[in-house]
């Protein structure tokens, strides 16, 4: 946390704000944007938790079958991917605040609809809205962080900040599962509880967030020197931003690698309890929800560890730890079926923990480093949106395939994809962020 420590307060800018004021705003923006993205997961994970109850509910299980649920996941992820390509550009043009607030409102509304209706068409429509709303989170919030933190601080700061989505994936399922099945014995409650949680986060975000140092009243002298906000007349159109982004080979490589990595992560996020239940049939619903916590716990630690390793051991090179994580992920995914064939709960927990550690390590490097490599805040949202949009297209397979494929074919495919992602990244082993020397 040294990067977040306040500097000496006696130094004052010409406009009258101190460096301590700027440091307080950086801590505040770090906290509120971290909480905002973690909060999105309490709605996103509701469907994963609800699946266990849906598949055992005689009222709906003949309509909402495993294949139907897989198709609904695919619809959600297709909408999520489309939104990623759009909202990052909007955040560059109109600011993160309006995009994130709109996304939260849409996510809450869609979750409430799913908690009150089990009609197939209503479910599918609500999940499309949910996908578009959820995609309004990552790229705009990455841009928000970039506006307050200069490049020289972003390595470890973004590594720590990236624990938000791992934490959300860790905390949301047991919390929602406990409320839905232990307190109310109703899968619909998972959606309503998630909506209520995100509603509280929305209120905090509206009260505490600012788009830029200028909006926070911090003098330009206290703003990140390499990230000075553009004047309104300097803002470029969306097509110009995309053309410039598409000329960056590293951004394209990251997008391709992320496309290959995302299916494995999203299969466990969206189908984790069902996958555990298939391999450990004696486990009850609450147990099947709790065991994938190992995946989330390791995922919280992974971004912190990989950020430190990339700064300290690899001198700000982001690719080497990413490639090493992908290599270990490939081996673990390939061995998932034989290792879990024992029916052992500790073995299942251990395997999910290793998958979580490696997949989140690579994920955080790929999804966060794009904006850093792109170089300036003018296109950071567009670059992050492009890379995450490519990943979200791959995530569609993670939501769809578990409803159609056996475990052996599923995890072998995921292992091959992780191996190919590592091979794509390998030629960039010695690449440094563009402004690492700043």
Protein backbone atom coordinates (compact mmCIF):
# COMPACT_ATOMS: atom_id res chain seq x y z
CA UNK A 1 0.00 0.00 0.00
CA UNK A 2 3.02 2.25 -0.14
CA UNK A 3 1.81 3.67 -3.44
CA UNK A 4 -1.31 4.96 -1.72
CA UNK A 5 0.50 6.58 1.21
CA UNK A 6 0.00 10.36 1.44
CA UNK A 7 2.97 12.58 0.65
CA UNK A 8 4.10 15.30 3.02
CA UNK A 9 1.23 17.78 3.51
CA UNK A 10 3.31 20.97 3.76
CA UNK A 11 3.79 21.29 -0.01
CA UNK A 12 1.03 23.45 -1.50
CA UNK A 13 0.14 24.02 -5.12
CA UNK A 14 -0.42 27.50 -6.51
CA UNK A 15 -4.18 26.93 -6.51
CA UNK A 16 -4.20 26.28 -2.76
CA UNK A 17 -4.61 22.49 -2.61
CA UNK A 18 -1.97 20.37 -0.92
CA UNK A 19 -0.44 17.12 -2.07
CA UNK A 20 -2.15 15.57 0.95
CA UNK A 21 -5.49 16.66 -0.55
CA UNK A 22 -4.60 14.93 -3.79
CA UNK A 23 -3.53 11.78 -1.91
CA UNK A 24 -6.82 11.71 -0.01
CA UNK A 25 -8.71 11.90 -3.27
CA UNK A 26 -6.64 9.07 -4.74
CA UNK A 27 -7.47 6.86 -1.76
CA UNK A 28 -11.13 7.83 -2.00
CA UNK A 29 -11.34 7.10 -5.73
CA UNK A 30 -9.48 3.81 -5.25
CA UNK A 31 -11.99 2.74 -2.57
CA UNK A 32 -15.21 3.82 -4.27
CA UNK A 33 -14.29 2.44 -7.71
CA UNK A 34 -13.08 -0.82 -6.14
CA UNK A 35 -16.37 -1.16 -4.26
CA UNK A 36 -18.37 -0.24 -7.37
CA UNK A 37 -16.96 -3.04 -9.49
CA UNK A 38 -17.15 -5.57 -6.67
CA UNK A 39 -20.79 -4.53 -6.21
CA UNK A 40 -21.64 -5.38 -9.82
CA UNK A 41 -20.81 -9.01 -9.02
CA UNK A 42 -23.57 -9.31 -6.43
CA UNK A 43 -26.04 -9.03 -9.30
CA UNK A 44 -23.91 -10.87 -11.88
CA UNK A 45 -23.43 -13.95 -9.70
CA UNK A 46 -27.11 -14.22 -8.76
CA UNK A 47 -27.87 -16.34 -11.84
CA UNK A 48 -25.05 -18.76 -11.02
CA UNK A 49 -26.46 -19.26 -7.51
CA UNK A 50 -30.05 -19.49 -8.74
CA UNK A 51 -29.24 -22.26 -11.25
CA UNK A 52 -29.07 -24.89 -8.52
CA UNK A 53 -32.60 -24.08 -7.39
CA UNK A 54 -33.94 -23.65 -10.93
CA UNK A 55 -32.75 -27.11 -12.01
CA UNK A 56 -34.51 -28.68 -8.99
CA UNK A 57 -37.69 -26.60 -9.20
CA UNK A 58 -40.48 -28.77 -10.73
CA UNK A 59 -42.37 -25.65 -11.74
CA UNK A 60 -39.68 -24.38 -14.13
CA UNK A 61 -37.11 -27.15 -14.69
CA UNK A 62 -38.89 -28.44 -17.81
CA UNK A 63 -38.52 -25.01 -19.45
CA UNK A 64 -35.36 -23.66 -17.84
CA UNK A 65 -33.26 -26.75 -18.59
CA UNK A 66 -29.46 -26.90 -18.50
CA UNK A 67 -29.30 -26.17 -22.23
CA UNK A 68 -31.74 -23.28 -21.89
CA UNK A 69 -29.66 -21.85 -19.05
CA UNK A 70 -26.54 -22.18 -21.20
CA UNK A 71 -28.22 -20.28 -24.03
CA UNK A 72 -29.36 -17.57 -21.60
CA UNK A 73 -25.77 -17.25 -20.35
CA UNK A 74 -24.63 -16.90 -23.96
CA UNK A 75 -27.18 -14.13 -24.59
CA UNK A 76 -25.98 -12.34 -21.48
CA UNK A 77 -22.33 -12.61 -22.48
CA UNK A 78 -23.00 -11.52 -26.06
CA UNK A 79 -24.68 -8.38 -24.74
CA UNK A 80 -21.80 -7.96 -22.27
CA UNK A 81 -19.25 -8.16 -25.09
CA UNK A 82 -21.15 -5.64 -27.22
CA UNK A 83 -21.33 -3.26 -24.29
CA UNK A 84 -17.59 -3.49 -23.63
CA UNK A 85 -16.84 -2.17 -27.13
CA UNK A 86 -19.28 0.71 -26.57
CA UNK A 87 -19.00 1.91 -22.97
CA UNK A 88 -15.22 2.37 -22.89
CA UNK A 89 -15.51 4.81 -25.78
CA UNK A 90 -18.43 6.58 -24.04
CA UNK A 91 -16.36 6.92 -20.86
CA UNK A 92 -13.60 8.60 -22.90
CA UNK A 93 -16.09 11.05 -24.38
CA UNK A 94 -18.57 11.70 -21.54
CA UNK A 95 -16.77 10.60 -18.36
CA UNK A 96 -16.99 7.43 -16.26
CA UNK A 97 -19.66 8.63 -13.81
CA UNK A 98 -22.65 8.75 -16.14
CA UNK A 99 -21.78 5.39 -17.73
CA UNK A 100 -21.25 3.53 -14.44
CA UNK A 101 -24.35 4.95 -12.75
CA UNK A 102 -26.47 4.04 -15.77
CA UNK A 103 -25.02 0.54 -15.73
CA UNK A 104 -25.80 0.03 -12.05
CA UNK A 105 -29.40 1.18 -12.50
CA UNK A 106 -29.87 -1.17 -15.46
CA UNK A 107 -28.34 -4.12 -13.58
CA UNK A 108 -30.59 -3.57 -10.55
CA UNK A 109 -33.72 -3.32 -12.71
CA UNK A 110 -32.88 -6.49 -14.69
CA UNK A 111 -32.19 -8.47 -11.50
CA UNK A 112 -35.54 -7.43 -10.01
CA UNK A 113 -37.34 -8.61 -13.15
CA UNK A 114 -35.61 -12.01 -12.96
CA UNK A 115 -36.50 -12.33 -9.29
CA UNK A 116 -40.19 -11.75 -10.03
CA UNK A 117 -40.70 -13.76 -13.24
CA UNK A 118 -39.58 -17.19 -14.46
CA UNK A 119 -40.95 -16.92 -18.02
CA UNK A 120 -38.27 -17.96 -20.52
CA UNK A 121 -38.60 -14.91 -22.79
CA UNK A 122 -38.63 -12.53 -19.83
CA UNK A 123 -35.54 -14.25 -18.39
CA UNK A 124 -33.72 -14.03 -21.71
CA UNK A 125 -34.61 -10.36 -22.24
CA UNK A 126 -33.63 -9.42 -18.71
CA UNK A 127 -30.27 -11.16 -19.13
CA UNK A 128 -29.56 -9.16 -22.30
CA UNK A 129 -30.24 -5.95 -20.35
CA UNK A 130 -28.09 -7.33 -17.52
CA UNK A 131 -25.19 -7.97 -19.91
CA UNK A 132 -25.30 -4.45 -21.34
CA UNK A 133 -25.52 -2.99 -17.83
CA UNK A 134 -22.69 -5.09 -16.39
CA UNK A 135 -20.35 -4.11 -19.21
CA UNK A 136 -20.64 -0.47 -18.16
CA UNK A 137 -18.38 -1.15 -15.19
CA UNK A 138 -14.84 -2.24 -16.03
CA UNK A 139 -13.53 0.06 -18.78
CA UNK A 140 -15.03 3.29 -17.33
CA UNK A 141 -13.74 2.46 -13.85
CA UNK A 142 -10.28 1.66 -15.25
CA UNK A 143 -10.32 5.09 -16.87
CA UNK A 144 -11.44 6.65 -13.59
CA UNK A 145 -8.43 5.14 -11.84
CA UNK A 146 -6.11 6.23 -14.64
CA UNK A 147 -7.29 9.82 -14.27
CA UNK A 148 -6.10 9.93 -10.64
CA UNK A 149 -2.97 7.71 -10.71
CA UNK A 150 0.11 8.45 -12.86
CA UNK A 151 1.76 5.68 -14.86
CA UNK A 152 4.66 5.33 -12.43
CA UNK A 153 2.23 4.18 -9.70
CA UNK A 154 -0.13 2.02 -11.69
CA UNK A 155 1.69 -1.34 -11.65
CA UNK A 156 1.09 -2.29 -8.04
CA UNK A 157 -1.89 0.04 -7.53
CA UNK A 158 -3.85 -1.54 -10.39
CA UNK A 159 -2.76 -4.99 -9.24
CA UNK A 160 -4.26 -4.28 -5.83
CA UNK A 161 -7.32 -2.60 -7.35
CA UNK A 162 -7.92 -5.59 -9.62
CA UNK A 163 -8.82 -7.69 -6.60
CA UNK A 164 -12.30 -6.15 -6.88
CA UNK A 165 -13.67 -8.64 -9.39
CA UNK A 166 -12.03 -11.60 -7.69
CA UNK A 167 -13.51 -10.47 -4.37
CA UNK A 168 -16.92 -10.02 -5.97
CA UNK A 169 -16.77 -13.51 -7.43
CA UNK A 170 -15.66 -14.82 -4.03
CA UNK A 171 -18.08 -13.04 -1.71
CA UNK A 172 -21.26 -12.87 -3.77
CA UNK A 173 -22.11 -16.60 -4.25
CA UNK A 174 -21.97 -17.67 -0.57
CA UNK A 175 -23.75 -14.50 0.53
CA UNK A 176 -26.52 -14.87 -2.04
CA UNK A 177 -26.69 -18.65 -1.56
CA UNK A 178 -27.07 -18.27 2.20
CA UNK A 179 -29.89 -15.75 1.82
CA UNK A 180 -31.64 -17.62 -1.00
CA UNK A 181 -31.45 -21.19 0.32
CA UNK A 182 -30.84 -20.98 4.07
CA UNK A 183 -33.07 -18.02 4.94
CA UNK A 184 -35.80 -18.15 2.29
CA UNK A 185 -35.39 -21.47 0.40
CA UNK A 186 -36.14 -19.64 -2.85
CA UNK A 187 -33.85 -19.21 -5.85
CA UNK A 188 -35.71 -16.00 -6.82
CA UNK A 189 -34.39 -14.31 -3.67
CA UNK A 190 -30.83 -14.55 -5.02
CA UNK A 191 -31.70 -11.95 -7.66
CA UNK A 192 -33.52 -9.64 -5.25
CA UNK A 193 -30.72 -9.80 -2.65
CA UNK A 194 -28.13 -9.00 -5.31
CA UNK A 195 -30.18 -6.01 -6.51
CA UNK A 196 -30.50 -4.66 -2.97
CA UNK A 197 -26.74 -4.96 -2.40
CA UNK A 198 -25.85 -3.14 -5.62
CA UNK A 199 -28.43 -0.48 -4.74
CA UNK A 200 -26.48 0.36 -1.59
CA UNK A 201 -23.23 0.51 -3.56
CA UNK A 202 -24.88 2.84 -6.09
CA UNK A 203 -25.76 5.35 -3.37
CA UNK A 204 -22.16 5.39 -2.12
CA UNK A 205 -20.80 5.77 -5.64
CA UNK A 206 -23.04 8.74 -6.41
CA UNK A 207 -22.05 10.41 -3.15
CA UNK A 208 -18.27 9.86 -3.28
CA UNK A 209 -17.04 9.49 -6.88
CA UNK A 210 -15.54 12.14 -9.16
CA UNK A 211 -14.43 11.65 -12.77
CA UNK A 212 -11.11 13.51 -12.62
CA UNK A 213 -8.86 15.62 -10.37
CA UNK A 214 -10.35 18.71 -11.98
CA UNK A 215 -13.87 17.60 -10.97
CA UNK A 216 -12.60 16.96 -7.44
CA UNK A 217 -11.26 20.50 -7.18
CA UNK A 218 -7.63 19.44 -7.19
CA UNK A 219 -5.30 21.89 -8.92
CA UNK A 220 -3.74 20.71 -12.15
CA UNK A 221 -0.35 20.74 -10.38
CA UNK A 222 -1.63 17.94 -8.15
CA UNK A 223 -3.08 15.87 -10.98
CA UNK A 224 -1.07 13.06 -12.59
CA UNK A 225 1.36 14.89 -14.83
CA UNK A 226 1.15 12.30 -17.60
CA UNK A 227 -2.63 12.18 -17.50
CA UNK A 228 -3.73 15.80 -17.79
CA UNK A 229 -7.42 15.88 -18.70
CA UNK A 230 -8.09 17.00 -22.26
CA UNK A 231 -10.00 20.14 -22.96
CA UNK A 232 -13.49 19.54 -24.36
CA UNK A 233 -12.32 20.66 -27.82
CA UNK A 234 -9.55 18.05 -27.77
CA UNK A 235 -11.87 15.08 -27.42
CA UNK A 236 -11.73 12.86 -30.45
CA UNK A 237 -14.61 10.94 -31.97
CA UNK A 238 -15.16 7.28 -31.22
CA UNK A 239 -14.00 6.07 -34.63
CA UNK A 240 -10.76 8.04 -34.36
CA UNK A 241 -10.07 6.52 -30.93
CA UNK A 242 -10.72 3.01 -32.24
CA UNK A 243 -8.49 3.53 -35.28
CA UNK A 244 -5.63 4.66 -33.07
CA UNK A 245 -6.19 1.77 -30.65
CA UNK A 246 -6.29 -0.82 -33.41
CA UNK A 247 -2.85 0.30 -34.62
CA UNK A 248 -1.30 -0.86 -31.33
CA UNK A 249 -0.09 -4.44 -31.82
CA UNK A 250 0.12 -5.08 -28.10
CA UNK A 251 -3.52 -4.16 -27.57
CA UNK A 252 -4.50 -6.59 -30.36
CA UNK A 253 -2.34 -9.34 -28.84
CA UNK A 254 -3.88 -8.78 -25.43
CA UNK A 255 -7.35 -8.90 -26.95
CA UNK A 256 -6.66 -12.23 -28.67
CA UNK A 257 -5.11 -13.74 -25.53
CA UNK A 258 -8.01 -12.52 -23.42
CA UNK A 259 -10.49 -14.09 -25.84
CA UNK A 260 -8.80 -17.45 -25.22
CA UNK A 261 -8.48 -17.04 -21.44
CA UNK A 262 -11.98 -15.90 -20.55
CA UNK A 263 -13.95 -19.13 -21.27
CA UNK A 264 -12.34 -21.06 -18.41
CA UNK A 265 -12.83 -18.27 -15.88
CA UNK A 266 -16.44 -17.65 -16.81
CA UNK A 267 -17.33 -21.34 -16.89
CA UNK A 268 -16.36 -21.57 -13.22
CA UNK A 269 -17.93 -18.22 -12.33
CA UNK A 270 -21.25 -19.01 -14.00
CA UNK A 271 -21.37 -22.79 -13.57
CA UNK A 272 -19.09 -23.39 -10.57
CA UNK A 273 -21.75 -24.78 -8.21
CA UNK A 274 -23.15 -27.00 -10.98
CA UNK A 275 -19.68 -28.27 -11.97
CA UNK A 276 -18.92 -29.10 -8.34
CA UNK A 277 -22.27 -30.84 -7.94
CA UNK A 278 -21.57 -32.99 -11.03
CA UNK A 279 -18.17 -34.13 -9.74
CA UNK A 280 -19.27 -34.42 -6.08
CA UNK A 281 -22.87 -35.68 -6.25
CA UNK A 282 -23.14 -36.20 -2.47
CA UNK A 283 -22.70 -32.47 -1.78
CA UNK A 284 -25.85 -30.46 -1.01
CA UNK A 285 -26.70 -27.12 -2.69
CA UNK A 286 -25.12 -24.94 -0.02
CA UNK A 287 -21.93 -27.03 -0.14
CA UNK A 288 -21.81 -26.81 -3.92
CA UNK A 289 -22.03 -23.02 -3.63
CA UNK A 290 -19.36 -22.82 -0.92
CA UNK A 291 -16.66 -25.06 -2.44
CA UNK A 292 -15.93 -22.68 -5.38
CA UNK A 293 -14.96 -20.08 -2.76
CA UNK A 294 -11.45 -21.55 -3.12
CA UNK A 295 -11.42 -20.27 -6.70
CA UNK A 296 -12.34 -16.78 -5.49
CA UNK A 297 -9.93 -16.67 -2.54
CA UNK A 298 -7.00 -17.50 -4.79
CA UNK A 299 -8.32 -14.97 -7.28
CA UNK A 300 -8.17 -12.18 -4.70
CA UNK A 301 -4.53 -12.93 -3.92
CA UNK A 302 -3.43 -13.42 -7.54
CA UNK A 303 -3.57 -9.80 -8.83
CA UNK A 304 -1.63 -8.53 -5.79
CA UNK A 305 1.03 -11.20 -6.21
CA UNK A 306 1.37 -10.89 -9.97
CA UNK A 307 1.55 -7.09 -9.78
CA UNK A 308 4.39 -7.31 -7.25
CA UNK A 309 6.20 -9.97 -9.27
CA UNK A 310 5.95 -7.98 -12.50
CA UNK A 311 7.35 -4.84 -10.82
CA UNK A 312 10.00 -6.40 -8.59
CA UNK A 313 11.21 -9.55 -10.32
CA UNK A 314 10.59 -8.64 -13.96
CA UNK A 315 11.30 -4.87 -13.85
CA UNK A 316 7.80 -3.76 -15.00
CA UNK A 317 7.58 -6.41 -17.69
CA UNK A 318 3.98 -7.68 -17.52
CA UNK A 319 4.21 -10.53 -20.01
CA UNK A 320 6.60 -12.98 -18.21
CA UNK A 321 4.40 -13.56 -15.12
CA UNK A 322 1.38 -13.75 -17.41
CA UNK A 323 2.96 -16.44 -19.59
CA UNK A 324 4.10 -18.45 -16.55
CA UNK A 325 0.59 -18.28 -15.07
CA UNK A 326 -0.92 -19.46 -18.36
CA UNK A 327 1.49 -22.41 -18.47
CA UNK A 328 0.48 -23.59 -15.00
CA UNK A 329 -3.19 -22.98 -15.82
CA UNK A 330 -2.87 -25.18 -18.91
CA UNK A 331 -1.53 -28.09 -16.88
CA UNK A 332 -4.16 -27.74 -14.14
CA UNK A 333 -7.09 -27.56 -16.56
CA UNK A 334 -5.79 -30.62 -18.42
CA UNK A 335 -5.67 -32.56 -15.12
CA UNK A 336 -9.03 -31.34 -13.76
CA UNK A 337 -11.05 -34.45 -14.62
CA UNK A 338 -8.59 -37.13 -13.41
CA UNK A 339 -7.83 -35.22 -10.21
CA UNK A 340 -11.48 -34.66 -9.28
CA UNK A 341 -12.46 -38.22 -10.19
CA UNK A 342 -11.50 -39.20 -6.63
CA UNK A 343 -14.61 -37.44 -5.29
CA UNK A 344 -12.47 -35.78 -2.64
CA UNK A 345 -13.60 -32.39 -1.38
CA UNK A 346 -10.05 -31.27 -0.40
CA UNK A 347 -8.76 -32.21 -3.86
CA UNK A 348 -11.59 -30.26 -5.52
CA UNK A 349 -10.82 -27.25 -3.33
CA UNK A 350 -7.11 -27.48 -4.17
CA UNK A 351 -7.67 -27.76 -7.91
CA UNK A 352 -10.09 -24.82 -7.95
CA UNK A 353 -7.61 -22.77 -5.90
CA UNK A 354 -4.79 -23.37 -8.39
CA UNK A 355 -7.08 -22.55 -11.31
CA UNK A 356 -8.20 -19.39 -9.54
CA UNK A 357 -4.64 -18.29 -8.77
CA UNK A 358 -3.38 -18.78 -12.31
CA UNK A 359 -6.43 -17.59 -14.26
CA UNK A 360 -6.80 -14.39 -12.22
CA UNK A 361 -3.07 -13.66 -12.37
CA UNK A 362 -3.11 -13.77 -16.16
CA UNK A 363 -6.50 -12.05 -16.31
CA UNK A 364 -5.47 -9.05 -14.21
CA UNK A 365 -2.29 -8.52 -16.23
CA UNK A 366 -4.09 -8.68 -19.56
CA UNK A 367 -7.19 -6.65 -18.73
CA UNK A 368 -5.43 -3.86 -16.79
CA UNK A 369 -2.16 -3.52 -18.70
CA UNK A 370 -3.89 -2.55 -21.96
CA UNK A 371 -4.74 0.95 -20.76
CA UNK A 372 -1.21 1.39 -19.36
CA UNK A 373 0.47 0.26 -22.59
CA UNK A 374 -1.81 2.48 -24.65
CA UNK A 375 -0.15 5.43 -22.99
CA UNK A 376 -2.63 8.26 -22.30
CA UNK A 377 -5.97 8.78 -20.65
CA UNK A 378 -7.54 10.03 -23.91
CA UNK A 379 -7.91 6.47 -25.21
CA UNK A 380 -7.53 4.40 -22.03
CA UNK A 381 -11.23 3.59 -21.83
CA UNK A 382 -11.35 2.63 -25.51
CA UNK A 383 -8.29 0.36 -25.20
CA UNK A 384 -9.57 -1.32 -22.03
CA UNK A 385 -13.00 -1.71 -23.62
CA UNK A 386 -11.53 -3.26 -26.77
CA UNK A 387 -9.43 -5.81 -24.89
CA UNK A 388 -12.24 -6.66 -22.48
CA UNK A 389 -14.72 -6.81 -25.34
CA UNK A 390 -12.56 -9.46 -27.03
CA UNK A 391 -12.39 -11.33 -23.74
CA UNK A 392 -16.14 -11.11 -23.32
CA UNK A 393 -16.69 -12.66 -26.74
CA UNK A 394 -14.63 -15.61 -25.49
CA UNK A 395 -16.58 -15.62 -22.23
CA UNK A 396 -19.72 -16.44 -24.24
CA UNK A 397 -18.24 -19.91 -24.70
CA UNK A 398 -17.66 -20.16 -20.96
CA UNK A 399 -21.33 -19.58 -20.31
CA UNK A 400 -22.63 -21.72 -23.18
CA UNK A 401 -20.43 -24.82 -23.37
CA UNK A 402 -20.96 -26.25 -19.84
CA UNK A 403 -24.63 -26.76 -20.74
CA UNK A 404 -23.70 -28.86 -23.78
CA UNK A 405 -20.34 -30.60 -23.26
CA UNK A 406 -19.11 -33.30 -20.92
CA UNK A 407 -16.49 -32.37 -18.34
CA UNK A 408 -13.66 -34.09 -20.21
CA UNK A 409 -14.23 -32.26 -23.51
CA UNK A 410 -14.89 -28.99 -21.69
CA UNK A 411 -11.69 -28.83 -19.66
CA UNK A 412 -9.51 -30.21 -22.46
CA UNK A 413 -10.76 -27.38 -24.66
CA UNK A 414 -10.06 -24.82 -21.94
CA UNK A 415 -6.53 -26.20 -21.51
CA UNK A 416 -5.82 -25.90 -25.24
CA UNK A 417 -7.12 -22.32 -25.26
CA UNK A 418 -4.90 -21.35 -22.30
CA UNK A 419 -1.88 -22.88 -24.01
CA UNK A 420 -2.54 -20.91 -27.20
CA UNK A 421 -2.95 -17.68 -25.20
CA UNK A 422 0.46 -18.25 -23.63
CA UNK A 423 2.05 -18.85 -27.01
CA UNK A 424 0.57 -15.60 -28.35
CA UNK A 425 2.02 -13.65 -25.42
CA UNK A 426 5.44 -15.32 -25.48
CA UNK A 427 7.00 -13.21 -28.30
CA UNK A 428 6.33 -10.09 -26.17
CA UNK A 429 8.31 -11.46 -23.20
CA UNK A 430 10.63 -8.43 -22.93
CA UNK A 431 8.07 -5.75 -23.80
CA UNK A 432 7.75 -2.82 -21.36
CA UNK A 433 4.80 -0.45 -20.95
CA UNK A 434 5.24 2.43 -23.37
CA UNK A 435 5.74 5.01 -20.64
CA UNK A 436 7.49 2.82 -18.08
CA UNK A 437 10.49 5.09 -18.13
CA UNK A 438 8.45 8.21 -17.39
